[in-house]
């Protein structure tokens, strides 16, 4: 039996990755059946060697860094990333923060970040549909996993930059002033130490080069 094996995250739908993420300690059988969207009963009839080879091939597709995808086409519709985050509404920002934090709601966040392009401006700029909560959530379950991964890395990097700026500012200015100022000083030091813990974790999250399996 011939199986179409996705060669990269660009050929894996987000929903397949979400399903795999719900499986604790997935085996090669789970990886192949889920990411190739095949019934497990079918994969069980494959040769053991073939299952391992396919799982390995799928894993190699994740051995890359993911960058932000500005536009992509799905089901005949071209979707564009929010052109200017500085102009995003409170509702958009709030929903992005809430839904991008968990893999199971990435599709909802993608429906906020990416919407159909309804107009184009010079020099590659474009206009996307006005945001309506939930309008494209279901459609985004089928978006390429690489697009969702790229968006996640993009926002992780934004957070890293923000925390790095705060951390450096605190080092150079505030800590010197507030050190020894009683409870406030102690709170600042505790918060500063928490940043030193958070930053490495965010950097590891942003450097997505390993397989999800």
C-alpha atoms as a PDB file:
ATOM      1  CA  UNK A   1       0.000   0.000   0.000  1.00  0.00           C
ATOM      2  CA  UNK A   2       1.368   3.436  -0.956  1.00  0.00           C
ATOM      3  CA  UNK A   3       1.100   6.194   1.624  1.00  0.00           C
ATOM      4  CA  UNK A   4       1.418   9.923   0.944  1.00  0.00           C
ATOM      5  CA  UNK A   5       3.815  10.995   3.689  1.00  0.00           C
ATOM      6  CA  UNK A   6       3.887  14.740   4.438  1.00  0.00           C
ATOM      7  CA  UNK A   7       7.407  15.950   3.704  1.00  0.00           C
ATOM      8  CA  UNK A   8       7.242  18.926   6.043  1.00  0.00           C
ATOM      9  CA  UNK A   9       4.987  20.819   8.443  1.00  0.00           C
ATOM     10  CA  UNK A  10       3.663  22.702   5.415  1.00  0.00           C
ATOM     11  CA  UNK A  11       1.818  19.555   4.378  1.00  0.00           C
ATOM     12  CA  UNK A  12       0.388  18.670   7.786  1.00  0.00           C
ATOM     13  CA  UNK A  13      -2.899  20.261   8.864  1.00  0.00           C
ATOM     14  CA  UNK A  14      -2.952  21.955  12.244  1.00  0.00           C
ATOM     15  CA  UNK A  15      -5.776  19.699  13.447  1.00  0.00           C
ATOM     16  CA  UNK A  16      -3.584  16.596  13.002  1.00  0.00           C
ATOM     17  CA  UNK A  17      -0.899  18.081  15.230  1.00  0.00           C
ATOM     18  CA  UNK A  18      -3.526  19.092  17.782  1.00  0.00           C
ATOM     19  CA  UNK A  19      -4.828  15.529  17.847  1.00  0.00           C
ATOM     20  CA  UNK A  20      -1.308  14.155  18.290  1.00  0.00           C
ATOM     21  CA  UNK A  21      -0.601  16.588  21.123  1.00  0.00           C
ATOM     22  CA  UNK A  22      -3.498  15.056  23.073  1.00  0.00           C
ATOM     23  CA  UNK A  23      -1.825  11.633  23.064  1.00  0.00           C
ATOM     24  CA  UNK A  24       0.465  11.052  26.007  1.00  0.00           C
ATOM     25  CA  UNK A  25       3.775   9.449  24.975  1.00  0.00           C
ATOM     26  CA  UNK A  26       2.741   8.760  21.339  1.00  0.00           C
ATOM     27  CA  UNK A  27       4.227   5.700  19.663  1.00  0.00           C
ATOM     28  CA  UNK A  28       5.288   5.494  15.980  1.00  0.00           C
ATOM     29  CA  UNK A  29       1.852   4.020  15.218  1.00  0.00           C
ATOM     30  CA  UNK A  30       0.166   7.100  16.701  1.00  0.00           C
ATOM     31  CA  UNK A  31       2.469   9.466  14.820  1.00  0.00           C
ATOM     32  CA  UNK A  32       1.911   7.833  11.440  1.00  0.00           C
ATOM     33  CA  UNK A  33      -1.833   7.379  11.815  1.00  0.00           C
ATOM     34  CA  UNK A  34      -2.415  10.903  13.132  1.00  0.00           C
ATOM     35  CA  UNK A  35      -0.120  12.975  10.922  1.00  0.00           C
ATOM     36  CA  UNK A  36      -0.898  10.967   7.774  1.00  0.00           C
ATOM     37  CA  UNK A  37      -4.602  11.013   8.728  1.00  0.00           C
ATOM     38  CA  UNK A  38      -5.019   7.267   8.422  1.00  0.00           C
ATOM     39  CA  UNK A  39      -7.077   4.874  10.559  1.00  0.00           C
ATOM     40  CA  UNK A  40      -4.934   3.121  13.161  1.00  0.00           C
ATOM     41  CA  UNK A  41      -6.424  -0.168  12.002  1.00  0.00           C
ATOM     42  CA  UNK A  42      -4.873   0.464   8.591  1.00  0.00           C
ATOM     43  CA  UNK A  43      -1.445   1.400   9.959  1.00  0.00           C
ATOM     44  CA  UNK A  44      -1.421  -1.733  12.147  1.00  0.00           C
ATOM     45  CA  UNK A  45      -1.290  -3.784   8.950  1.00  0.00           C
ATOM     46  CA  UNK A  46       1.867  -2.026   7.729  1.00  0.00           C
ATOM     47  CA  UNK A  47       5.198  -3.740   8.200  1.00  0.00           C
ATOM     48  CA  UNK A  48       6.817  -2.681  11.476  1.00  0.00           C
ATOM     49  CA  UNK A  49       9.852  -1.449   9.578  1.00  0.00           C
ATOM     50  CA  UNK A  50       7.669   0.719   7.339  1.00  0.00           C
ATOM     51  CA  UNK A  51       5.911   2.341  10.313  1.00  0.00           C
ATOM     52  CA  UNK A  52       9.274   3.234  11.873  1.00  0.00           C
ATOM     53  CA  UNK A  53      10.570   4.608   8.565  1.00  0.00           C
ATOM     54  CA  UNK A  54       7.483   6.753   8.006  1.00  0.00           C
ATOM     55  CA  UNK A  55       7.569   8.051  11.583  1.00  0.00           C
ATOM     56  CA  UNK A  56      11.238   8.957  11.101  1.00  0.00           C
ATOM     57  CA  UNK A  57      10.447  10.728   7.828  1.00  0.00           C
ATOM     58  CA  UNK A  58       7.689  12.701   9.531  1.00  0.00           C
ATOM     59  CA  UNK A  59      10.036  13.666  12.351  1.00  0.00           C
ATOM     60  CA  UNK A  60      12.665  14.973   9.936  1.00  0.00           C
ATOM     61  CA  UNK A  61      10.088  17.409   8.590  1.00  0.00           C
ATOM     62  CA  UNK A  62      10.224  19.275  11.907  1.00  0.00           C
ATOM     63  CA  UNK A  63      13.994  19.665  11.958  1.00  0.00           C
ATOM     64  CA  UNK A  64      13.884  23.296  10.908  1.00  0.00           C
ATOM     65  CA  UNK A  65      13.205  26.704  12.344  1.00  0.00           C
ATOM     66  CA  UNK A  66       9.814  28.181  11.602  1.00  0.00           C
ATOM     67  CA  UNK A  67       9.413  31.750  10.412  1.00  0.00           C
ATOM     68  CA  UNK A  68       6.319  33.907  10.176  1.00  0.00           C
ATOM     69  CA  UNK A  69       4.184  33.307   7.088  1.00  0.00           C
ATOM     70  CA  UNK A  70       2.640  36.559   5.892  1.00  0.00           C
ATOM     71  CA  UNK A  71       0.174  35.080   3.415  1.00  0.00           C
ATOM     72  CA  UNK A  72      -0.969  31.598   2.414  1.00  0.00           C
ATOM     73  CA  UNK A  73      -3.659  30.080   0.245  1.00  0.00           C
ATOM     74  CA  UNK A  74      -6.141  27.469   1.464  1.00  0.00           C
ATOM     75  CA  UNK A  75      -9.215  26.126  -0.317  1.00  0.00           C
ATOM     76  CA  UNK A  76      -8.951  28.845  -2.940  1.00  0.00           C
ATOM     77  CA  UNK A  77      -8.826  31.683  -0.395  1.00  0.00           C
ATOM     78  CA  UNK A  78      -5.720  33.786   0.245  1.00  0.00           C
ATOM     79  CA  UNK A  79      -5.273  34.642   3.910  1.00  0.00           C
ATOM     80  CA  UNK A  80      -3.089  37.440   5.219  1.00  0.00           C
ATOM     81  CA  UNK A  81      -1.479  38.028   8.597  1.00  0.00           C
ATOM     82  CA  UNK A  82      -2.687  41.132  10.472  1.00  0.00           C
ATOM     83  CA  UNK A  83      -0.915  43.900   8.503  1.00  0.00           C
ATOM     84  CA  UNK A  84      -0.124  46.095  11.507  1.00  0.00           C
ATOM     85  CA  UNK A  85      -0.273  44.715  15.033  1.00  0.00           C
ATOM     86  CA  UNK A  86       0.035  48.226  16.427  1.00  0.00           C
ATOM     87  CA  UNK A  87      -3.425  48.930  15.012  1.00  0.00           C
ATOM     88  CA  UNK A  88      -5.000  45.709  16.332  1.00  0.00           C
ATOM     89  CA  UNK A  89      -8.125  46.162  18.435  1.00  0.00           C
ATOM     90  CA  UNK A  90      -8.330  45.253  22.104  1.00  0.00           C
ATOM     91  CA  UNK A  91     -10.529  42.281  21.199  1.00  0.00           C
ATOM     92  CA  UNK A  92      -8.020  40.976  18.666  1.00  0.00           C
ATOM     93  CA  UNK A  93      -5.056  41.279  21.036  1.00  0.00           C
ATOM     94  CA  UNK A  94      -6.986  39.715  23.909  1.00  0.00           C
ATOM     95  CA  UNK A  95      -8.111  36.755  21.809  1.00  0.00           C
ATOM     96  CA  UNK A  96      -4.625  36.205  20.374  1.00  0.00           C
ATOM     97  CA  UNK A  97      -3.154  36.068  23.874  1.00  0.00           C
ATOM     98  CA  UNK A  98      -5.853  33.748  25.178  1.00  0.00           C
ATOM     99  CA  UNK A  99      -5.988  31.268  22.317  1.00  0.00           C
ATOM    100  CA  UNK A 100      -2.335  31.110  21.275  1.00  0.00           C
ATOM    101  CA  UNK A 101      -1.285  29.909  24.730  1.00  0.00           C
ATOM    102  CA  UNK A 102      -2.649  26.366  24.266  1.00  0.00           C
ATOM    103  CA  UNK A 103      -2.187  24.006  21.321  1.00  0.00           C
ATOM    104  CA  UNK A 104      -5.831  22.928  21.469  1.00  0.00           C
ATOM    105  CA  UNK A 105      -6.976  26.502  20.718  1.00  0.00           C
ATOM    106  CA  UNK A 106      -4.350  27.452  18.147  1.00  0.00           C
ATOM    107  CA  UNK A 107      -6.948  27.248  15.374  1.00  0.00           C
ATOM    108  CA  UNK A 108      -8.999  29.960  17.111  1.00  0.00           C
ATOM    109  CA  UNK A 109      -5.927  32.195  17.402  1.00  0.00           C
ATOM    110  CA  UNK A 110      -5.158  31.586  13.735  1.00  0.00           C
ATOM    111  CA  UNK A 111      -8.648  32.803  12.875  1.00  0.00           C
ATOM    112  CA  UNK A 112      -7.728  36.087  14.547  1.00  0.00           C
ATOM    113  CA  UNK A 113      -4.251  36.414  13.064  1.00  0.00           C
ATOM    114  CA  UNK A 114      -5.151  35.401   9.514  1.00  0.00           C
ATOM    115  CA  UNK A 115      -8.172  36.530   7.523  1.00  0.00           C
ATOM    116  CA  UNK A 116      -9.025  36.694   3.805  1.00  0.00           C
ATOM    117  CA  UNK A 117      -7.291  39.458   1.886  1.00  0.00           C
ATOM    118  CA  UNK A 118      -9.958  41.793   0.516  1.00  0.00           C
ATOM    119  CA  UNK A 119      -7.772  44.458  -1.054  1.00  0.00           C
ATOM    120  CA  UNK A 120      -4.209  45.133  -2.070  1.00  0.00           C
ATOM    121  CA  UNK A 121      -2.140  48.283  -1.770  1.00  0.00           C
ATOM    122  CA  UNK A 122       1.166  49.161  -3.414  1.00  0.00           C
ATOM    123  CA  UNK A 123       4.480  47.582  -2.385  1.00  0.00           C
ATOM    124  CA  UNK A 124       3.003  44.268  -1.291  1.00  0.00           C
ATOM    125  CA  UNK A 125       0.699  45.712   1.360  1.00  0.00           C
ATOM    126  CA  UNK A 126      -2.828  44.384   1.708  1.00  0.00           C
ATOM    127  CA  UNK A 127      -6.099  44.754   3.595  1.00  0.00           C
ATOM    128  CA  UNK A 128      -7.804  41.850   5.378  1.00  0.00           C
ATOM    129  CA  UNK A 129     -11.387  41.288   6.482  1.00  0.00           C
ATOM    130  CA  UNK A 130     -12.602  42.995   9.620  1.00  0.00           C
ATOM    131  CA  UNK A 131     -12.364  40.721  12.644  1.00  0.00           C
ATOM    132  CA  UNK A 132     -15.453  38.757  13.606  1.00  0.00           C
ATOM    133  CA  UNK A 133     -14.758  36.415  16.569  1.00  0.00           C
ATOM    134  CA  UNK A 134     -14.871  32.758  15.573  1.00  0.00           C
ATOM    135  CA  UNK A 135     -15.641  33.312  11.882  1.00  0.00           C
ATOM    136  CA  UNK A 136     -12.576  31.392  10.600  1.00  0.00           C
ATOM    137  CA  UNK A 137     -11.765  29.219  13.596  1.00  0.00           C
ATOM    138  CA  UNK A 138     -13.056  25.983  12.076  1.00  0.00           C
ATOM    139  CA  UNK A 139     -11.470  26.661   8.695  1.00  0.00           C
ATOM    140  CA  UNK A 140      -8.113  27.228  10.399  1.00  0.00           C
ATOM    141  CA  UNK A 141      -8.103  23.696  11.776  1.00  0.00           C
ATOM    142  CA  UNK A 142      -6.915  22.738   8.276  1.00  0.00           C
ATOM    143  CA  UNK A 143      -4.292  25.452   7.920  1.00  0.00           C
ATOM    144  CA  UNK A 144      -0.681  24.283   7.394  1.00  0.00           C
ATOM    145  CA  UNK A 145       1.013  23.440  10.662  1.00  0.00           C
ATOM    146  CA  UNK A 146       4.055  25.442   9.527  1.00  0.00           C
ATOM    147  CA  UNK A 147       1.933  28.604   9.481  1.00  0.00           C
ATOM    148  CA  UNK A 148       0.694  28.012  13.042  1.00  0.00           C
ATOM    149  CA  UNK A 149       4.205  27.157  14.262  1.00  0.00           C
ATOM    150  CA  UNK A 150       5.598  30.292  12.641  1.00  0.00           C
ATOM    151  CA  UNK A 151       2.991  32.467  14.363  1.00  0.00           C
ATOM    152  CA  UNK A 152       3.794  30.870  17.712  1.00  0.00           C
ATOM    153  CA  UNK A 153       7.527  31.497  17.261  1.00  0.00           C
ATOM    154  CA  UNK A 154       6.848  35.078  16.169  1.00  0.00           C
ATOM    155  CA  UNK A 155       4.952  35.870  19.367  1.00  0.00           C
ATOM    156  CA  UNK A 156       7.455  34.012  21.528  1.00  0.00           C
ATOM    157  CA  UNK A 157      10.178  36.214  20.072  1.00  0.00           C
ATOM    158  CA  UNK A 158       8.118  39.329  20.756  1.00  0.00           C
ATOM    159  CA  UNK A 159       7.772  38.266  24.381  1.00  0.00           C
ATOM    160  CA  UNK A 160      11.494  37.508  24.607  1.00  0.00           C
ATOM    161  CA  UNK A 161      12.344  40.967  23.297  1.00  0.00           C
ATOM    162  CA  UNK A 162       9.939  42.609  25.727  1.00  0.00           C
ATOM    163  CA  UNK A 163      11.185  40.686  28.751  1.00  0.00           C
ATOM    164  CA  UNK A 164      14.818  41.219  27.744  1.00  0.00           C
ATOM    165  CA  UNK A 165      14.208  44.957  27.545  1.00  0.00           C
ATOM    166  CA  UNK A 166      12.508  45.003  30.948  1.00  0.00           C
ATOM    167  CA  UNK A 167      15.225  42.815  32.445  1.00  0.00           C
ATOM    168  CA  UNK A 168      18.040  45.044  31.162  1.00  0.00           C
ATOM    169  CA  UNK A 169      16.246  48.198  32.271  1.00  0.00           C
ATOM    170  CA  UNK A 170      15.775  46.785  35.729  1.00  0.00           C
ATOM    171  CA  UNK A 171      19.441  45.874  35.903  1.00  0.00           C
ATOM    172  CA  UNK A 172      20.669  49.285  34.882  1.00  0.00           C
ATOM    173  CA  UNK A 173      18.229  51.569  36.652  1.00  0.00           C
ATOM    174  CA  UNK A 174      15.574  50.344  39.012  1.00  0.00           C
ATOM    175  CA  UNK A 175      17.343  47.630  40.956  1.00  0.00           C
ATOM    176  CA  UNK A 176      20.056  50.048  42.097  1.00  0.00           C
ATOM    177  CA  UNK A 177      17.414  52.502  43.297  1.00  0.00           C
ATOM    178  CA  UNK A 178      15.096  50.003  44.942  1.00  0.00           C
ATOM    179  CA  UNK A 179      17.619  47.592  46.440  1.00  0.00           C
ATOM    180  CA  UNK A 180      17.357  47.803  50.191  1.00  0.00           C
ATOM    181  CA  UNK A 181      14.074  49.700  50.158  1.00  0.00           C
ATOM    182  CA  UNK A 182      12.256  47.148  52.271  1.00  0.00           C
ATOM    183  CA  UNK A 183       9.450  44.940  50.916  1.00  0.00           C
ATOM    184  CA  UNK A 184       9.330  46.718  47.557  1.00  0.00           C
ATOM    185  CA  UNK A 185      12.998  46.013  47.013  1.00  0.00           C
ATOM    186  CA  UNK A 186      12.521  42.339  47.869  1.00  0.00           C
ATOM    187  CA  UNK A 187       9.554  42.090  45.484  1.00  0.00           C
ATOM    188  CA  UNK A 188      11.609  43.593  42.657  1.00  0.00           C
ATOM    189  CA  UNK A 189      14.434  41.131  43.215  1.00  0.00           C
ATOM    190  CA  UNK A 190      12.018  38.189  43.232  1.00  0.00           C
ATOM    191  CA  UNK A 191      10.412  39.438  40.020  1.00  0.00           C
ATOM    192  CA  UNK A 192      13.823  39.964  38.414  1.00  0.00           C
ATOM    193  CA  UNK A 193      14.835  36.411  39.274  1.00  0.00           C
ATOM    194  CA  UNK A 194      11.597  35.108  37.764  1.00  0.00           C
ATOM    195  CA  UNK A 195      12.521  36.809  34.474  1.00  0.00           C
ATOM    196  CA  UNK A 196      15.850  35.006  34.484  1.00  0.00           C
ATOM    197  CA  UNK A 197      13.887  31.741  34.661  1.00  0.00           C
ATOM    198  CA  UNK A 198      11.236  32.669  32.089  1.00  0.00           C
ATOM    199  CA  UNK A 199      13.586  33.932  29.360  1.00  0.00           C
ATOM    200  CA  UNK A 200      15.492  30.648  28.770  1.00  0.00           C
ATOM    201  CA  UNK A 201      12.170  28.779  28.574  1.00  0.00           C
ATOM    202  CA  UNK A 202      10.801  31.210  26.006  1.00  0.00           C
ATOM    203  CA  UNK A 203      13.985  30.997  23.979  1.00  0.00           C
ATOM    204  CA  UNK A 204      13.723  27.218  23.908  1.00  0.00           C
ATOM    205  CA  UNK A 205      10.086  27.499  22.797  1.00  0.00           C
ATOM    206  CA  UNK A 206      10.977  29.931  20.025  1.00  0.00           C
ATOM    207  CA  UNK A 207      13.787  27.740  18.712  1.00  0.00           C
ATOM    208  CA  UNK A 208      11.471  24.977  17.490  1.00  0.00           C
ATOM    209  CA  UNK A 209      13.815  22.565  15.757  1.00  0.00           C
ATOM    210  CA  UNK A 210      12.838  19.251  17.308  1.00  0.00           C
ATOM    211  CA  UNK A 211      10.049  16.855  16.409  1.00  0.00           C
ATOM    212  CA  UNK A 212       6.750  17.043  18.357  1.00  0.00           C
ATOM    213  CA  UNK A 213       6.820  13.273  18.740  1.00  0.00           C
END
